[in-house]
Full PDB file with SEQRES, HELIX, SHEET, SSBOND, CRYST1, ORIGX, SCALE, CONECT and MASTER records, all heavy atoms in Angstrom:
SEQRES   1 A   31  GLY TYR GLU LEU THR THR ARG PHE LEU HIS VAL MET SER          
SEQRES   2 A   31  ASN ARG LEU GLN ALA ALA ARG HIS ARG LEU ALA ASP PHE          
SEQRES   3 A   31  GLN ARG ALA SER GLY                                          
HELIX    1 AA1 TYR A    2  SER A   30  1                                  29    
CRYST1    1.000    1.000    1.000  90.00  90.00  90.00 P 1           1          
ORIGX1      1.000000  0.000000  0.000000        0.00000                         
ORIGX2      0.000000  1.000000  0.000000        0.00000                         
ORIGX3      0.000000  0.000000  1.000000        0.00000                         
SCALE1      1.000000  0.000000  0.000000        0.00000                         
SCALE2      0.000000  1.000000  0.000000        0.00000                         
SCALE3      0.000000  0.000000  1.000000        0.00000                         
ATOM      1  N   GLY A   1     -45.133  69.254   6.187  1.00  0.00           N  
ATOM      2  CA  GLY A   1     -45.943  69.055   4.986  1.00  0.00           C  
ATOM      3  C   GLY A   1     -45.118  69.146   3.718  1.00  0.00           C  
ATOM      4  O   GLY A   1     -45.234  68.308   2.816  1.00  0.00           O  
ATOM      5  N   TYR A   2     -44.263  70.151   3.646  1.00  0.00           N  
ATOM      6  CA  TYR A   2     -43.406  70.314   2.476  1.00  0.00           C  
ATOM      7  C   TYR A   2     -42.467  69.119   2.332  1.00  0.00           C  
ATOM      8  O   TYR A   2     -42.310  68.558   1.242  1.00  0.00           O  
ATOM      9  CB  TYR A   2     -42.595  71.613   2.582  1.00  0.00           C  
ATOM     10  CG  TYR A   2     -41.609  71.775   1.463  1.00  0.00           C  
ATOM     11  CD1 TYR A   2     -42.018  72.253   0.219  1.00  0.00           C  
ATOM     12  CD2 TYR A   2     -40.274  71.430   1.631  1.00  0.00           C  
ATOM     13  CE1 TYR A   2     -41.122  72.379  -0.831  1.00  0.00           C  
ATOM     14  CE2 TYR A   2     -39.367  71.549   0.592  1.00  0.00           C  
ATOM     15  CZ  TYR A   2     -39.792  72.029  -0.637  1.00  0.00           C  
ATOM     16  OH  TYR A   2     -38.891  72.142  -1.668  1.00  0.00           O  
ATOM     17  N   GLU A   3     -41.848  68.722   3.430  1.00  0.00           N  
ATOM     18  CA  GLU A   3     -40.883  67.623   3.393  1.00  0.00           C  
ATOM     19  C   GLU A   3     -41.529  66.319   2.927  1.00  0.00           C  
ATOM     20  O   GLU A   3     -41.018  65.634   2.041  1.00  0.00           O  
ATOM     21  CB  GLU A   3     -40.251  67.434   4.777  1.00  0.00           C  
ATOM     22  CG  GLU A   3     -39.183  66.367   4.820  1.00  0.00           C  
ATOM     23  CD  GLU A   3     -37.996  66.642   3.926  1.00  0.00           C  
ATOM     24  OE1 GLU A   3     -37.582  67.814   3.801  1.00  0.00           O  
ATOM     25  OE2 GLU A   3     -37.467  65.669   3.344  1.00  0.00           O  
ATOM     26  N   LEU A   4     -42.673  65.969   3.510  1.00  0.00           N  
ATOM     27  CA  LEU A   4     -43.318  64.708   3.129  1.00  0.00           C  
ATOM     28  C   LEU A   4     -43.928  64.780   1.738  1.00  0.00           C  
ATOM     29  O   LEU A   4     -43.866  63.805   0.980  1.00  0.00           O  
ATOM     30  CB  LEU A   4     -44.351  64.293   4.172  1.00  0.00           C  
ATOM     31  CG  LEU A   4     -43.765  63.778   5.480  1.00  0.00           C  
ATOM     32  CD1 LEU A   4     -44.866  63.370   6.439  1.00  0.00           C  
ATOM     33  CD2 LEU A   4     -42.807  62.617   5.256  1.00  0.00           C  
ATOM     34  N   THR A   5     -44.504  65.917   1.361  1.00  0.00           N  
ATOM     35  CA  THR A   5     -45.054  66.052   0.007  1.00  0.00           C  
ATOM     36  C   THR A   5     -43.947  65.893  -1.027  1.00  0.00           C  
ATOM     37  O   THR A   5     -44.125  65.205  -2.041  1.00  0.00           O  
ATOM     38  CB  THR A   5     -45.775  67.406  -0.162  1.00  0.00           C  
ATOM     39  OG1 THR A   5     -46.845  67.470   0.786  1.00  0.00           O  
ATOM     40  CG2 THR A   5     -46.343  67.560  -1.567  1.00  0.00           C  
ATOM     41  N   THR A   6     -42.794  66.485  -0.767  1.00  0.00           N  
ATOM     42  CA  THR A   6     -41.653  66.337  -1.676  1.00  0.00           C  
ATOM     43  C   THR A   6     -41.246  64.871  -1.783  1.00  0.00           C  
ATOM     44  O   THR A   6     -40.968  64.376  -2.879  1.00  0.00           O  
ATOM     45  CB  THR A   6     -40.474  67.195  -1.180  1.00  0.00           C  
ATOM     46  OG1 THR A   6     -40.889  68.559  -1.145  1.00  0.00           O  
ATOM     47  CG2 THR A   6     -39.263  67.061  -2.084  1.00  0.00           C  
ATOM     48  N   ARG A   7     -41.250  64.167  -0.681  1.00  0.00           N  
ATOM     49  CA  ARG A   7     -40.884  62.740  -0.705  1.00  0.00           C  
ATOM     50  C   ARG A   7     -41.915  61.925  -1.491  1.00  0.00           C  
ATOM     51  O   ARG A   7     -41.550  61.013  -2.245  1.00  0.00           O  
ATOM     52  CB  ARG A   7     -40.742  62.207   0.719  1.00  0.00           C  
ATOM     53  CG  ARG A   7     -39.543  62.805   1.442  1.00  0.00           C  
ATOM     54  CD  ARG A   7     -39.498  62.422   2.902  1.00  0.00           C  
ATOM     55  NE  ARG A   7     -38.469  63.158   3.603  1.00  0.00           N  
ATOM     56  CZ  ARG A   7     -37.673  62.639   4.528  1.00  0.00           C  
ATOM     57  NH1 ARG A   7     -37.815  61.378   4.894  1.00  0.00           N  
ATOM     58  NH2 ARG A   7     -36.768  63.384   5.113  1.00  0.00           N  
ATOM     59  N   PHE A   8     -43.202  62.235  -1.310  1.00  0.00           N  
ATOM     60  CA  PHE A   8     -44.229  61.518  -2.071  1.00  0.00           C  
ATOM     61  C   PHE A   8     -44.102  61.811  -3.566  1.00  0.00           C  
ATOM     62  O   PHE A   8     -44.279  60.920  -4.398  1.00  0.00           O  
ATOM     63  CB  PHE A   8     -45.635  61.867  -1.574  1.00  0.00           C  
ATOM     64  CG  PHE A   8     -46.087  61.002  -0.448  1.00  0.00           C  
ATOM     65  CD1 PHE A   8     -46.023  61.462   0.860  1.00  0.00           C  
ATOM     66  CD2 PHE A   8     -46.554  59.713  -0.666  1.00  0.00           C  
ATOM     67  CE1 PHE A   8     -46.427  60.661   1.921  1.00  0.00           C  
ATOM     68  CE2 PHE A   8     -46.959  58.900   0.382  1.00  0.00           C  
ATOM     69  CZ  PHE A   8     -46.891  59.373   1.680  1.00  0.00           C  
ATOM     70  N   LEU A   9     -43.802  63.047  -3.916  1.00  0.00           N  
ATOM     71  CA  LEU A   9     -43.625  63.382  -5.337  1.00  0.00           C  
ATOM     72  C   LEU A   9     -42.433  62.638  -5.920  1.00  0.00           C  
ATOM     73  O   LEU A   9     -42.474  62.208  -7.082  1.00  0.00           O  
ATOM     74  CB  LEU A   9     -43.475  64.892  -5.516  1.00  0.00           C  
ATOM     75  CG  LEU A   9     -44.758  65.678  -5.275  1.00  0.00           C  
ATOM     76  CD1 LEU A   9     -44.473  67.177  -5.278  1.00  0.00           C  
ATOM     77  CD2 LEU A   9     -45.825  65.331  -6.296  1.00  0.00           C  
ATOM     78  N   HIS A  10     -41.400  62.439  -5.139  1.00  0.00           N  
ATOM     79  CA  HIS A  10     -40.242  61.668  -5.584  1.00  0.00           C  
ATOM     80  C   HIS A  10     -40.647  60.211  -5.849  1.00  0.00           C  
ATOM     81  O   HIS A  10     -40.271  59.629  -6.868  1.00  0.00           O  
ATOM     82  CB  HIS A  10     -39.128  61.757  -4.541  1.00  0.00           C  
ATOM     83  CG  HIS A  10     -37.875  61.068  -4.937  1.00  0.00           C  
ATOM     84  ND1 HIS A  10     -37.017  61.555  -5.902  1.00  0.00           N  
ATOM     85  CD2 HIS A  10     -37.329  59.913  -4.510  1.00  0.00           C  
ATOM     86  CE1 HIS A  10     -36.000  60.726  -6.047  1.00  0.00           C  
ATOM     87  NE2 HIS A  10     -36.169  59.719  -5.207  1.00  0.00           N  
ATOM     88  N   VAL A  11     -41.430  59.630  -4.939  1.00  0.00           N  
ATOM     89  CA  VAL A  11     -41.920  58.254  -5.126  1.00  0.00           C  
ATOM     90  C   VAL A  11     -42.750  58.168  -6.416  1.00  0.00           C  
ATOM     91  O   VAL A  11     -42.562  57.266  -7.232  1.00  0.00           O  
ATOM     92  CB  VAL A  11     -42.764  57.802  -3.906  1.00  0.00           C  
ATOM     93  CG1 VAL A  11     -43.542  56.512  -4.210  1.00  0.00           C  
ATOM     94  CG2 VAL A  11     -41.878  57.625  -2.683  1.00  0.00           C  
ATOM     95  N   MET A  12     -43.649  59.140  -6.598  1.00  0.00           N  
ATOM     96  CA  MET A  12     -44.508  59.126  -7.785  1.00  0.00           C  
ATOM     97  C   MET A  12     -43.686  59.279  -9.069  1.00  0.00           C  
ATOM     98  O   MET A  12     -43.956  58.598 -10.064  1.00  0.00           O  
ATOM     99  CB  MET A  12     -45.561  60.232  -7.672  1.00  0.00           C  
ATOM    100  CG  MET A  12     -46.548  59.983  -6.540  1.00  0.00           C  
ATOM    101  SD  MET A  12     -47.554  61.414  -6.117  1.00  0.00           S  
ATOM    102  CE  MET A  12     -48.447  61.673  -7.620  1.00  0.00           C  
ATOM    103  N   SER A  13     -42.686  60.132  -9.047  1.00  0.00           N  
ATOM    104  CA  SER A  13     -41.825  60.323 -10.210  1.00  0.00           C  
ATOM    105  C   SER A  13     -41.066  59.044 -10.544  1.00  0.00           C  
ATOM    106  O   SER A  13     -40.988  58.644 -11.710  1.00  0.00           O  
ATOM    107  CB  SER A  13     -40.842  61.468  -9.944  1.00  0.00           C  
ATOM    108  OG  SER A  13     -39.934  61.595 -11.010  1.00  0.00           O  
ATOM    109  N   ASN A  14     -40.528  58.383  -9.529  1.00  0.00           N  
ATOM    110  CA  ASN A  14     -39.821  57.121  -9.758  1.00  0.00           C  
ATOM    111  C   ASN A  14     -40.745  56.060 -10.349  1.00  0.00           C  
ATOM    112  O   ASN A  14     -40.351  55.313 -11.252  1.00  0.00           O  
ATOM    113  CB  ASN A  14     -39.197  56.606  -8.463  1.00  0.00           C  
ATOM    114  CG  ASN A  14     -37.994  57.408  -8.043  1.00  0.00           C  
ATOM    115  OD1 ASN A  14     -37.406  58.151  -8.824  1.00  0.00           O  
ATOM    116  ND2 ASN A  14     -37.617  57.283  -6.777  1.00  0.00           N  
ATOM    117  N   ARG A  15     -41.977  55.996  -9.856  1.00  0.00           N  
ATOM    118  CA  ARG A  15     -42.917  54.995 -10.371  1.00  0.00           C  
ATOM    119  C   ARG A  15     -43.327  55.309 -11.798  1.00  0.00           C  
ATOM    120  O   ARG A  15     -43.502  54.409 -12.619  1.00  0.00           O  
ATOM    121  CB  ARG A  15     -44.125  54.882  -9.447  1.00  0.00           C  
ATOM    122  CG  ARG A  15     -43.696  54.275  -8.127  1.00  0.00           C  
ATOM    123  CD  ARG A  15     -44.801  53.635  -7.375  1.00  0.00           C  
ATOM    124  NE  ARG A  15     -44.239  53.099  -6.140  1.00  0.00           N  
ATOM    125  CZ  ARG A  15     -44.801  53.206  -4.962  1.00  0.00           C  
ATOM    126  NH1 ARG A  15     -45.973  53.795  -4.843  1.00  0.00           N  
ATOM    127  NH2 ARG A  15     -44.201  52.708  -3.896  1.00  0.00           N  
ATOM    128  N   LEU A  16     -43.490  56.580 -12.113  1.00  0.00           N  
ATOM    129  CA  LEU A  16     -43.816  56.977 -13.480  1.00  0.00           C  
ATOM    130  C   LEU A  16     -42.674  56.610 -14.428  1.00  0.00           C  
ATOM    131  O   LEU A  16     -42.904  56.083 -15.520  1.00  0.00           O  
ATOM    132  CB  LEU A  16     -44.109  58.472 -13.546  1.00  0.00           C  
ATOM    133  CG  LEU A  16     -44.486  59.021 -14.914  1.00  0.00           C  
ATOM    134  CD1 LEU A  16     -45.734  58.337 -15.456  1.00  0.00           C  
ATOM    135  CD2 LEU A  16     -44.702  60.523 -14.821  1.00  0.00           C  
ATOM    136  N   GLN A  17     -41.448  56.861 -14.020  1.00  0.00           N  
ATOM    137  CA  GLN A  17     -40.293  56.502 -14.855  1.00  0.00           C  
ATOM    138  C   GLN A  17     -40.210  54.989 -15.041  1.00  0.00           C  
ATOM    139  O   GLN A  17     -39.934  54.508 -16.143  1.00  0.00           O  
ATOM    140  CB  GLN A  17     -38.997  57.039 -14.252  1.00  0.00           C  
ATOM    141  CG  GLN A  17     -38.855  58.532 -14.343  1.00  0.00           C  
ATOM    142  CD  GLN A  17     -38.851  59.032 -15.778  1.00  0.00           C  
ATOM    143  OE1 GLN A  17     -38.403  58.356 -16.697  1.00  0.00           O  
ATOM    144  NE2 GLN A  17     -39.394  60.215 -15.976  1.00  0.00           N  
ATOM    145  N   ALA A  18     -40.445  54.232 -13.988  1.00  0.00           N  
ATOM    146  CA  ALA A  18     -40.416  52.765 -14.093  1.00  0.00           C  
ATOM    147  C   ALA A  18     -41.497  52.278 -15.050  1.00  0.00           C  
ATOM    148  O   ALA A  18     -41.255  51.376 -15.868  1.00  0.00           O  
ATOM    149  CB  ALA A  18     -40.589  52.131 -12.714  1.00  0.00           C  
ATOM    150  N   ALA A  19     -42.688  52.876 -14.980  1.00  0.00           N  
ATOM    151  CA  ALA A  19     -43.775  52.492 -15.893  1.00  0.00           C  
ATOM    152  C   ALA A  19     -43.415  52.829 -17.336  1.00  0.00           C  
ATOM    153  O   ALA A  19     -43.691  52.054 -18.261  1.00  0.00           O  
ATOM    154  CB  ALA A  19     -45.074  53.191 -15.489  1.00  0.00           C  
ATOM    155  N   ARG A  20     -42.784  53.974 -17.538  1.00  0.00           N  
ATOM    156  CA  ARG A  20     -42.374  54.372 -18.882  1.00  0.00           C  
ATOM    157  C   ARG A  20     -41.361  53.378 -19.444  1.00  0.00           C  
ATOM    158  O   ARG A  20     -41.454  52.975 -20.605  1.00  0.00           O  
ATOM    159  CB  ARG A  20     -41.773  55.775 -18.833  1.00  0.00           C  
ATOM    160  CG  ARG A  20     -41.497  56.376 -20.187  1.00  0.00           C  
ATOM    161  CD  ARG A  20     -41.051  57.823 -20.040  1.00  0.00           C  
ATOM    162  NE  ARG A  20     -39.757  57.914 -19.398  1.00  0.00           N  
ATOM    163  CZ  ARG A  20     -38.612  57.991 -20.062  1.00  0.00           C  
ATOM    164  NH1 ARG A  20     -38.600  57.987 -21.373  1.00  0.00           N  
ATOM    165  NH2 ARG A  20     -37.482  58.084 -19.401  1.00  0.00           N  
ATOM    166  N   HIS A  21     -40.418  52.930 -18.630  1.00  0.00           N  
ATOM    167  CA  HIS A  21     -39.432  51.945 -19.080  1.00  0.00           C  
ATOM    168  C   HIS A  21     -40.088  50.602 -19.390  1.00  0.00           C  
ATOM    169  O   HIS A  21     -39.733  49.954 -20.376  1.00  0.00           O  
ATOM    170  CB  HIS A  21     -38.315  51.778 -18.044  1.00  0.00           C  
ATOM    171  CG  HIS A  21     -37.422  52.967 -17.962  1.00  0.00           C  
ATOM    172  ND1 HIS A  21     -36.532  53.325 -18.949  1.00  0.00           N  
ATOM    173  CD2 HIS A  21     -37.300  53.910 -16.998  1.00  0.00           C  
ATOM    174  CE1 HIS A  21     -35.895  54.427 -18.612  1.00  0.00           C  
ATOM    175  NE2 HIS A  21     -36.349  54.806 -17.420  1.00  0.00           N  
ATOM    176  N   ARG A  22     -41.044  50.183 -18.551  1.00  0.00           N  
ATOM    177  CA  ARG A  22     -41.748  48.916 -18.821  1.00  0.00           C  
ATOM    178  C   ARG A  22     -42.535  49.008 -20.116  1.00  0.00           C  
ATOM    179  O   ARG A  22     -42.569  48.059 -20.903  1.00  0.00           O  
ATOM    180  CB  ARG A  22     -42.670  48.549 -17.651  1.00  0.00           C  
ATOM    181  CG  ARG A  22     -41.931  47.972 -16.462  1.00  0.00           C  
ATOM    182  CD  ARG A  22     -42.869  47.360 -15.431  1.00  0.00           C  
ATOM    183  NE  ARG A  22     -43.894  48.266 -14.966  1.00  0.00           N  
ATOM    184  CZ  ARG A  22     -43.736  49.172 -13.998  1.00  0.00           C  
ATOM    185  NH1 ARG A  22     -42.572  49.291 -13.398  1.00  0.00           N  
ATOM    186  NH2 ARG A  22     -44.735  49.947 -13.631  1.00  0.00           N  
ATOM    187  N   LEU A  23     -43.172  50.148 -20.376  1.00  0.00           N  
ATOM    188  CA  LEU A  23     -43.922  50.341 -21.615  1.00  0.00           C  
ATOM    189  C   LEU A  23     -42.990  50.303 -22.817  1.00  0.00           C  
ATOM    190  O   LEU A  23     -43.297  49.662 -23.832  1.00  0.00           O  
ATOM    191  CB  LEU A  23     -44.690  51.666 -21.574  1.00  0.00           C  
ATOM    192  CG  LEU A  23     -45.526  52.003 -22.803  1.00  0.00           C  
ATOM    193  CD1 LEU A  23     -46.554  50.915 -23.083  1.00  0.00           C  
ATOM    194  CD2 LEU A  23     -46.205  53.350 -22.612  1.00  0.00           C  
ATOM    195  N   ALA A  24     -41.839  50.949 -22.725  1.00  0.00           N  
ATOM    196  CA  ALA A  24     -40.872  50.925 -23.829  1.00  0.00           C  
ATOM    197  C   ALA A  24     -40.377  49.507 -24.076  1.00  0.00           C  
ATOM    198  O   ALA A  24     -40.264  49.075 -25.238  1.00  0.00           O  
ATOM    199  CB  ALA A  24     -39.707  51.861 -23.527  1.00  0.00           C  
ATOM    200  N   ASP A  25     -40.107  48.746 -23.008  1.00  0.00           N  
ATOM    201  CA  ASP A  25     -39.683  47.353 -23.154  1.00  0.00           C  
ATOM    202  C   ASP A  25     -40.769  46.525 -23.825  1.00  0.00           C  
ATOM    203  O   ASP A  25     -40.494  45.705 -24.708  1.00  0.00           O  
ATOM    204  CB  ASP A  25     -39.338  46.740 -21.795  1.00  0.00           C  
ATOM    205  CG  ASP A  25     -38.073  47.312 -21.182  1.00  0.00           C  
ATOM    206  OD1 ASP A  25     -37.288  47.975 -21.908  1.00  0.00           O  
ATOM    207  OD2 ASP A  25     -37.881  47.115 -19.959  1.00  0.00           O  
ATOM    208  N   PHE A  26     -42.021  46.748 -23.421  1.00  0.00           N  
ATOM    209  CA  PHE A  26     -43.145  46.029 -24.023  1.00  0.00           C  
ATOM    210  C   PHE A  26     -43.259  46.349 -25.509  1.00  0.00           C  
ATOM    211  O   PHE A  26     -43.448  45.461 -26.334  1.00  0.00           O  
ATOM    212  CB  PHE A  26     -44.448  46.384 -23.300  1.00  0.00           C  
ATOM    213  CG  PHE A  26     -45.668  45.832 -23.974  1.00  0.00           C  
ATOM    214  CD1 PHE A  26     -45.992  44.494 -23.839  1.00  0.00           C  
ATOM    215  CD2 PHE A  26     -46.472  46.644 -24.756  1.00  0.00           C  
ATOM    216  CE1 PHE A  26     -47.112  43.969 -24.471  1.00  0.00           C  
ATOM    217  CE2 PHE A  26     -47.585  46.136 -25.394  1.00  0.00           C  
ATOM    218  CZ  PHE A  26     -47.910  44.788 -25.246  1.00  0.00           C  
ATOM    219  N   GLN A  27     -43.131  47.624 -25.851  1.00  0.00           N  
ATOM    220  CA  GLN A  27     -43.228  48.011 -27.257  1.00  0.00           C  
ATOM    221  C   GLN A  27     -42.110  47.392 -28.079  1.00  0.00           C  
ATOM    222  O   GLN A  27     -42.347  46.913 -29.187  1.00  0.00           O  
ATOM    223  CB  GLN A  27     -43.218  49.527 -27.405  1.00  0.00           C  
ATOM    224  CG  GLN A  27     -44.516  50.156 -26.965  1.00  0.00           C  
ATOM    225  CD  GLN A  27     -44.513  51.662 -27.154  1.00  0.00           C  
ATOM    226  OE1 GLN A  27     -43.497  52.308 -26.959  1.00  0.00           O  
ATOM    227  NE2 GLN A  27     -45.659  52.193 -27.526  1.00  0.00           N  
ATOM    228  N   ARG A  28     -40.885  47.371 -27.554  1.00  0.00           N  
ATOM    229  CA  ARG A  28     -39.776  46.761 -28.272  1.00  0.00           C  
ATOM    230  C   ARG A  28     -40.025  45.264 -28.455  1.00  0.00           C  
ATOM    231  O   ARG A  28     -39.801  44.714 -29.524  1.00  0.00           O  
ATOM    232  CB  ARG A  28     -38.462  46.983 -27.514  1.00  0.00           C  
ATOM    233  CG  ARG A  28     -37.817  48.306 -27.811  1.00  0.00           C  
ATOM    234  CD  ARG A  28     -36.382  48.358 -27.280  1.00  0.00           C  
ATOM    235  NE  ARG A  28     -36.320  48.317 -25.830  1.00  0.00           N  
ATOM    236  CZ  ARG A  28     -36.518  49.373 -25.040  1.00  0.00           C  
ATOM    237  NH1 ARG A  28     -36.772  50.540 -25.558  1.00  0.00           N  
ATOM    238  NH2 ARG A  28     -36.447  49.251 -23.730  1.00  0.00           N  
ATOM    239  N   ALA A  29     -40.476  44.584 -27.396  1.00  0.00           N  
ATOM    240  CA  ALA A  29     -40.695  43.149 -27.462  1.00  0.00           C  
ATOM    241  C   ALA A  29     -41.832  42.780 -28.420  1.00  0.00           C  
ATOM    242  O   ALA A  29     -41.793  41.739 -29.059  1.00  0.00           O  
ATOM    243  CB  ALA A  29     -41.001  42.605 -26.066  1.00  0.00           C  
ATOM    244  N   SER A  30     -42.823  43.650 -28.532  1.00  0.00           N  
ATOM    245  CA  SER A  30     -43.981  43.331 -29.388  1.00  0.00           C  
ATOM    246  C   SER A  30     -43.814  43.863 -30.809  1.00  0.00           C  
ATOM    247  O   SER A  30     -44.655  43.597 -31.656  1.00  0.00           O  
ATOM    248  CB  SER A  30     -45.263  43.886 -28.775  1.00  0.00           C  
ATOM    249  OG  SER A  30     -45.214  45.302 -28.750  1.00  0.00           O  
ATOM    250  N   GLY A  31     -42.747  44.619 -31.049  1.00  0.00           N  
ATOM    251  CA  GLY A  31     -42.507  45.133 -32.390  1.00  0.00           C  
ATOM    252  C   GLY A  31     -43.311  46.389 -32.726  1.00  0.00           C  
ATOM    253  O   GLY A  31     -43.274  46.848 -33.860  1.00  0.00           O  
TER     254      GLY A  31                                                      
MASTER        0    0    0    1    0    0    0    6  253    1    0    3          
END                                                                             
């Protein structure tokens, strides 16, 4: 349980970071 939960949290963290980068790119592109 600990091992898989840690892996899922890693996936979620990576997706959150990717979304944050896409949002920053969108904001830069839209001014």
